[in-house]
Amino acid sequence: MVRSLKEKFMKAALDEAERAYEKQEVPVGAVVVYKESIIARAHNLTETLRDPTAHAEMQAITSATSYLGGKYLTDCTIYVTLEPCAMCAGAIGWSQAAGVVYGASDEKKGFSKVKGDLLHPKTIVEKGILEEECRELLKRFFKSKR
């Protein structure tokens, strides 16, 4: 897929992250893409729902599987502004998503820090798409909290 198309989808995920920011949620956004169309959009809702599992990826997976009418996302790519945590990577693995594209790495809680395979063996991972924009939004959020 052309980089500009990947940037377009990451920009949509960033728009979701901005929505989270406006709600005083950690600004992480996600979109699920199927056949070059966005079928699900979501952002963190852990504070709003008082649910520690209400991460952007989890919300997006639920929405996408509902849209497709099945539990697998084998022909879908999940774009997320921050590297998924182990919980979200596990859910992405169970969904059998074809790909995960993320912006900023999560040095503390990212799934790449965990030993073992959390994703499906066929899932393709790409990182660093609009990395600076994704990282800056998170920095701005946490700076406002200090």
C-alpha atoms as a PDB file:
ATOM      1  CA  MET A   1       0.000   0.000   0.000  1.00  0.00           C
ATOM      2  CA  VAL A   2       1.311   3.449  -0.862  1.00  0.00           C
ATOM      3  CA  ARG A   3       2.728   5.382   2.098  1.00  0.00           C
ATOM      4  CA  SER A   4       0.360   8.323   1.492  1.00  0.00           C
ATOM      5  CA  LEU A   5      -2.635   6.007   1.876  1.00  0.00           C
ATOM      6  CA  LYS A   6      -1.185   4.686   5.132  1.00  0.00           C
ATOM      7  CA  GLU A   7      -0.715   8.268   6.274  1.00  0.00           C
ATOM      8  CA  LYS A   8      -4.339   9.023   5.380  1.00  0.00           C
ATOM      9  CA  PHE A   9      -5.540   6.184   7.604  1.00  0.00           C
ATOM     10  CA  MET A  10      -3.160   7.139  10.416  1.00  0.00           C
ATOM     11  CA  LYS A  11      -4.461  10.712  10.171  1.00  0.00           C
ATOM     12  CA  ALA A  12      -7.973   9.313  10.726  1.00  0.00           C
ATOM     13  CA  ALA A  13      -6.649   7.489  13.805  1.00  0.00           C
ATOM     14  CA  LEU A  14      -5.050  10.763  14.963  1.00  0.00           C
ATOM     15  CA  ASP A  15      -8.427  12.482  14.579  1.00  0.00           C
ATOM     16  CA  GLU A  16      -9.830   9.854  16.941  1.00  0.00           C
ATOM     17  CA  ALA A  17      -6.950  10.452  19.356  1.00  0.00           C
ATOM     18  CA  GLU A  18      -7.827  14.161  19.351  1.00  0.00           C
ATOM     19  CA  ARG A  19     -11.390  13.229  20.293  1.00  0.00           C
ATOM     20  CA  ALA A  20     -10.012  11.266  23.236  1.00  0.00           C
ATOM     21  CA  TYR A  21      -7.845  14.247  24.215  1.00  0.00           C
ATOM     22  CA  GLU A  22     -10.925  16.496  24.242  1.00  0.00           C
ATOM     23  CA  LYS A  23     -12.578  14.053  26.680  1.00  0.00           C
ATOM     24  CA  GLN A  24      -9.502  14.049  28.944  1.00  0.00           C
ATOM     25  CA  GLU A  25      -8.770  10.455  27.912  1.00  0.00           C
ATOM     26  CA  VAL A  26      -5.236   9.311  27.076  1.00  0.00           C
ATOM     27  CA  PRO A  27      -5.164  10.362  23.404  1.00  0.00           C
ATOM     28  CA  VAL A  28      -4.987   7.112  21.496  1.00  0.00           C
ATOM     29  CA  GLY A  29      -7.080   6.549  18.402  1.00  0.00           C
ATOM     30  CA  ALA A  30      -7.633   3.610  16.086  1.00  0.00           C
ATOM     31  CA  VAL A  31      -9.308   2.816  12.788  1.00  0.00           C
ATOM     32  CA  VAL A  32      -9.911  -0.514  11.083  1.00  0.00           C
ATOM     33  CA  VAL A  33      -9.487  -0.605   7.312  1.00  0.00           C
ATOM     34  CA  TYR A  34     -11.115  -3.180   5.038  1.00  0.00           C
ATOM     35  CA  LYS A  35     -10.612  -3.003   1.257  1.00  0.00           C
ATOM     36  CA  GLU A  36      -9.109   0.486   1.560  1.00  0.00           C
ATOM     37  CA  SER A  37     -12.159   1.818   3.443  1.00  0.00           C
ATOM     38  CA  ILE A  38     -12.467   2.662   7.122  1.00  0.00           C
ATOM     39  CA  ILE A  39     -15.089   0.395   8.694  1.00  0.00           C
ATOM     40  CA  ALA A  40     -14.496   1.290  12.346  1.00  0.00           C
ATOM     41  CA  ARG A  41     -13.226   4.298  14.284  1.00  0.00           C
ATOM     42  CA  ALA A  42     -12.542   4.455  18.001  1.00  0.00           C
ATOM     43  CA  HIS A  43     -10.567   6.163  20.732  1.00  0.00           C
ATOM     44  CA  ASN A  44      -9.723   5.470  24.344  1.00  0.00           C
ATOM     45  CA  LEU A  45     -12.748   5.473  26.643  1.00  0.00           C
ATOM     46  CA  THR A  46     -11.253   4.070  29.844  1.00  0.00           C
ATOM     47  CA  GLU A  47     -12.149   7.130  31.942  1.00  0.00           C
ATOM     48  CA  THR A  48     -15.550   7.710  30.352  1.00  0.00           C
ATOM     49  CA  LEU A  49     -16.641   4.093  30.750  1.00  0.00           C
ATOM     50  CA  ARG A  50     -14.604   3.493  33.933  1.00  0.00           C
ATOM     51  CA  ASP A  51     -13.319   0.385  32.206  1.00  0.00           C
ATOM     52  CA  PRO A  52      -9.585  -0.390  32.020  1.00  0.00           C
ATOM     53  CA  THR A  53     -10.164  -2.519  28.907  1.00  0.00           C
ATOM     54  CA  ALA A  54     -11.818   0.290  26.899  1.00  0.00           C
ATOM     55  CA  HIS A  55      -8.699   0.984  24.846  1.00  0.00           C
ATOM     56  CA  ALA A  56      -9.068   2.388  21.329  1.00  0.00           C
ATOM     57  CA  GLU A  57      -8.048  -0.909  19.717  1.00  0.00           C
ATOM     58  CA  MET A  58     -10.556  -2.925  21.743  1.00  0.00           C
ATOM     59  CA  GLN A  59     -13.360  -0.521  20.819  1.00  0.00           C
ATOM     60  CA  ALA A  60     -12.342  -0.586  17.156  1.00  0.00           C
ATOM     61  CA  ILE A  61     -12.153  -4.389  17.020  1.00  0.00           C
ATOM     62  CA  THR A  62     -15.644  -4.699  18.523  1.00  0.00           C
ATOM     63  CA  SER A  63     -17.045  -2.192  16.049  1.00  0.00           C
ATOM     64  CA  ALA A  64     -15.323  -3.789  13.044  1.00  0.00           C
ATOM     65  CA  THR A  65     -16.373  -7.348  13.860  1.00  0.00           C
ATOM     66  CA  SER A  66     -19.930  -6.131  14.367  1.00  0.00           C
ATOM     67  CA  TYR A  67     -19.819  -4.382  10.988  1.00  0.00           C
ATOM     68  CA  LEU A  68     -18.442  -7.475   9.231  1.00  0.00           C
ATOM     69  CA  GLY A  69     -20.704  -9.904  11.080  1.00  0.00           C
ATOM     70  CA  GLY A  70     -17.968 -12.229  12.300  1.00  0.00           C
ATOM     71  CA  LYS A  71     -15.193 -12.484  14.851  1.00  0.00           C
ATOM     72  CA  TYR A  72     -12.246 -12.387  12.461  1.00  0.00           C
ATOM     73  CA  LEU A  73     -10.574  -9.418  10.787  1.00  0.00           C
ATOM     74  CA  THR A  74      -8.422 -11.487   8.421  1.00  0.00           C
ATOM     75  CA  ASP A  75      -8.740  -8.957   5.594  1.00  0.00           C
ATOM     76  CA  CYS A  76      -8.376  -5.878   7.785  1.00  0.00           C
ATOM     77  CA  THR A  77      -5.577  -3.643   8.981  1.00  0.00           C
ATOM     78  CA  ILE A  78      -5.761  -1.833  12.309  1.00  0.00           C
ATOM     79  CA  TYR A  79      -4.166   1.613  12.439  1.00  0.00           C
ATOM     80  CA  VAL A  80      -3.434   2.917  15.927  1.00  0.00           C
ATOM     81  CA  THR A  81      -1.566   6.001  17.070  1.00  0.00           C
ATOM     82  CA  LEU A  82       0.336   4.214  19.855  1.00  0.00           C
ATOM     83  CA  GLU A  83       1.892   0.762  19.881  1.00  0.00           C
ATOM     84  CA  PRO A  84      -0.737  -1.630  21.293  1.00  0.00           C
ATOM     85  CA  CYS A  85      -0.303  -2.945  24.817  1.00  0.00           C
ATOM     86  CA  ALA A  86      -0.175  -6.691  25.499  1.00  0.00           C
ATOM     87  CA  MET A  87      -3.952  -6.846  26.112  1.00  0.00           C
ATOM     88  CA  CYS A  88      -4.752  -5.153  22.804  1.00  0.00           C
ATOM     89  CA  ALA A  89      -2.128  -7.145  20.904  1.00  0.00           C
ATOM     90  CA  GLY A  90      -3.703 -10.325  22.267  1.00  0.00           C
ATOM     91  CA  ALA A  91      -7.130  -9.189  21.081  1.00  0.00           C
ATOM     92  CA  ILE A  92      -5.686  -8.261  17.692  1.00  0.00           C
ATOM     93  CA  GLY A  93      -4.131 -11.720  17.584  1.00  0.00           C
ATOM     94  CA  TRP A  94      -7.445 -13.412  18.368  1.00  0.00           C
ATOM     95  CA  SER A  95      -9.129 -11.315  15.667  1.00  0.00           C
ATOM     96  CA  GLN A  96      -6.500 -12.571  13.190  1.00  0.00           C
ATOM     97  CA  ALA A  97      -6.104  -9.076  11.719  1.00  0.00           C
ATOM     98  CA  ALA A  98      -3.993  -9.036   8.569  1.00  0.00           C
ATOM     99  CA  GLY A  99      -2.008  -6.035   9.739  1.00  0.00           C
ATOM    100  CA  VAL A 100      -1.252  -3.570  12.503  1.00  0.00           C
ATOM    101  CA  VAL A 101       0.167  -0.151  11.707  1.00  0.00           C
ATOM    102  CA  TYR A 102       1.101   2.113  14.586  1.00  0.00           C
ATOM    103  CA  GLY A 103       2.560   5.567  14.950  1.00  0.00           C
ATOM    104  CA  ALA A 104       4.533   5.971  18.173  1.00  0.00           C
ATOM    105  CA  SER A 105       6.245   3.151  20.034  1.00  0.00           C
ATOM    106  CA  ASP A 106       5.288   2.607  23.681  1.00  0.00           C
ATOM    107  CA  GLU A 107       8.572   2.151  25.518  1.00  0.00           C
ATOM    108  CA  LYS A 108       6.878   1.114  28.777  1.00  0.00           C
ATOM    109  CA  LYS A 109       3.826  -0.966  27.900  1.00  0.00           C
ATOM    110  CA  GLY A 110       4.055  -1.776  24.200  1.00  0.00           C
ATOM    111  CA  PHE A 111       3.497  -5.370  23.114  1.00  0.00           C
ATOM    112  CA  SER A 112       6.977  -5.566  21.610  1.00  0.00           C
ATOM    113  CA  LYS A 113       8.348  -5.564  25.184  1.00  0.00           C
ATOM    114  CA  VAL A 114       6.599  -8.875  25.923  1.00  0.00           C
ATOM    115  CA  LYS A 115       8.355 -12.150  25.193  1.00  0.00           C
ATOM    116  CA  GLY A 116       6.354 -14.494  23.005  1.00  0.00           C
ATOM    117  CA  ASP A 117       3.981 -14.017  20.119  1.00  0.00           C
ATOM    118  CA  LEU A 118       0.808 -12.098  20.908  1.00  0.00           C
ATOM    119  CA  LEU A 119      -0.217 -11.437  17.318  1.00  0.00           C
ATOM    120  CA  HIS A 120      -1.391 -13.986  14.772  1.00  0.00           C
ATOM    121  CA  PRO A 121       1.592 -15.425  12.850  1.00  0.00           C
ATOM    122  CA  LYS A 122       0.304 -13.915   9.574  1.00  0.00           C
ATOM    123  CA  THR A 123      -0.226 -10.413  10.968  1.00  0.00           C
ATOM    124  CA  ILE A 124       2.108  -7.873   9.376  1.00  0.00           C
ATOM    125  CA  VAL A 125       3.332  -5.079  11.665  1.00  0.00           C
ATOM    126  CA  GLU A 126       4.502  -1.666  10.503  1.00  0.00           C
ATOM    127  CA  LYS A 127       5.525   1.124  12.830  1.00  0.00           C
ATOM    128  CA  GLY A 128       6.449   4.769  12.604  1.00  0.00           C
ATOM    129  CA  ILE A 129       3.683   6.108  10.351  1.00  0.00           C
ATOM    130  CA  LEU A 130       3.200   9.778  11.392  1.00  0.00           C
ATOM    131  CA  GLU A 131       5.257   8.890  14.447  1.00  0.00           C
ATOM    132  CA  GLU A 132       6.122  12.451  15.413  1.00  0.00           C
ATOM    133  CA  GLU A 133       2.508  13.668  15.279  1.00  0.00           C
ATOM    134  CA  CYS A 134       1.360  10.698  17.362  1.00  0.00           C
ATOM    135  CA  ARG A 135       4.100  11.207  19.948  1.00  0.00           C
ATOM    136  CA  GLU A 136       3.540  14.979  20.196  1.00  0.00           C
ATOM    137  CA  LEU A 137      -0.166  14.564  20.990  1.00  0.00           C
ATOM    138  CA  LEU A 138       0.685  12.196  23.837  1.00  0.00           C
ATOM    139  CA  LYS A 139       3.399  14.533  25.144  1.00  0.00           C
ATOM    140  CA  ARG A 140       0.981  17.487  25.085  1.00  0.00           C
ATOM    141  CA  PHE A 141      -1.609  15.480  26.997  1.00  0.00           C
ATOM    142  CA  PHE A 142       0.734  14.299  29.736  1.00  0.00           C
ATOM    143  CA  LYS A 143       2.353  17.740  30.045  1.00  0.00           C
ATOM    144  CA  SER A 144      -1.120  19.219  30.702  1.00  0.00           C
ATOM    145  CA  LYS A 145      -1.633  16.700  33.508  1.00  0.00           C
ATOM    146  CA  ARG A 146       1.548  17.661  35.393  1.00  0.00           C
END
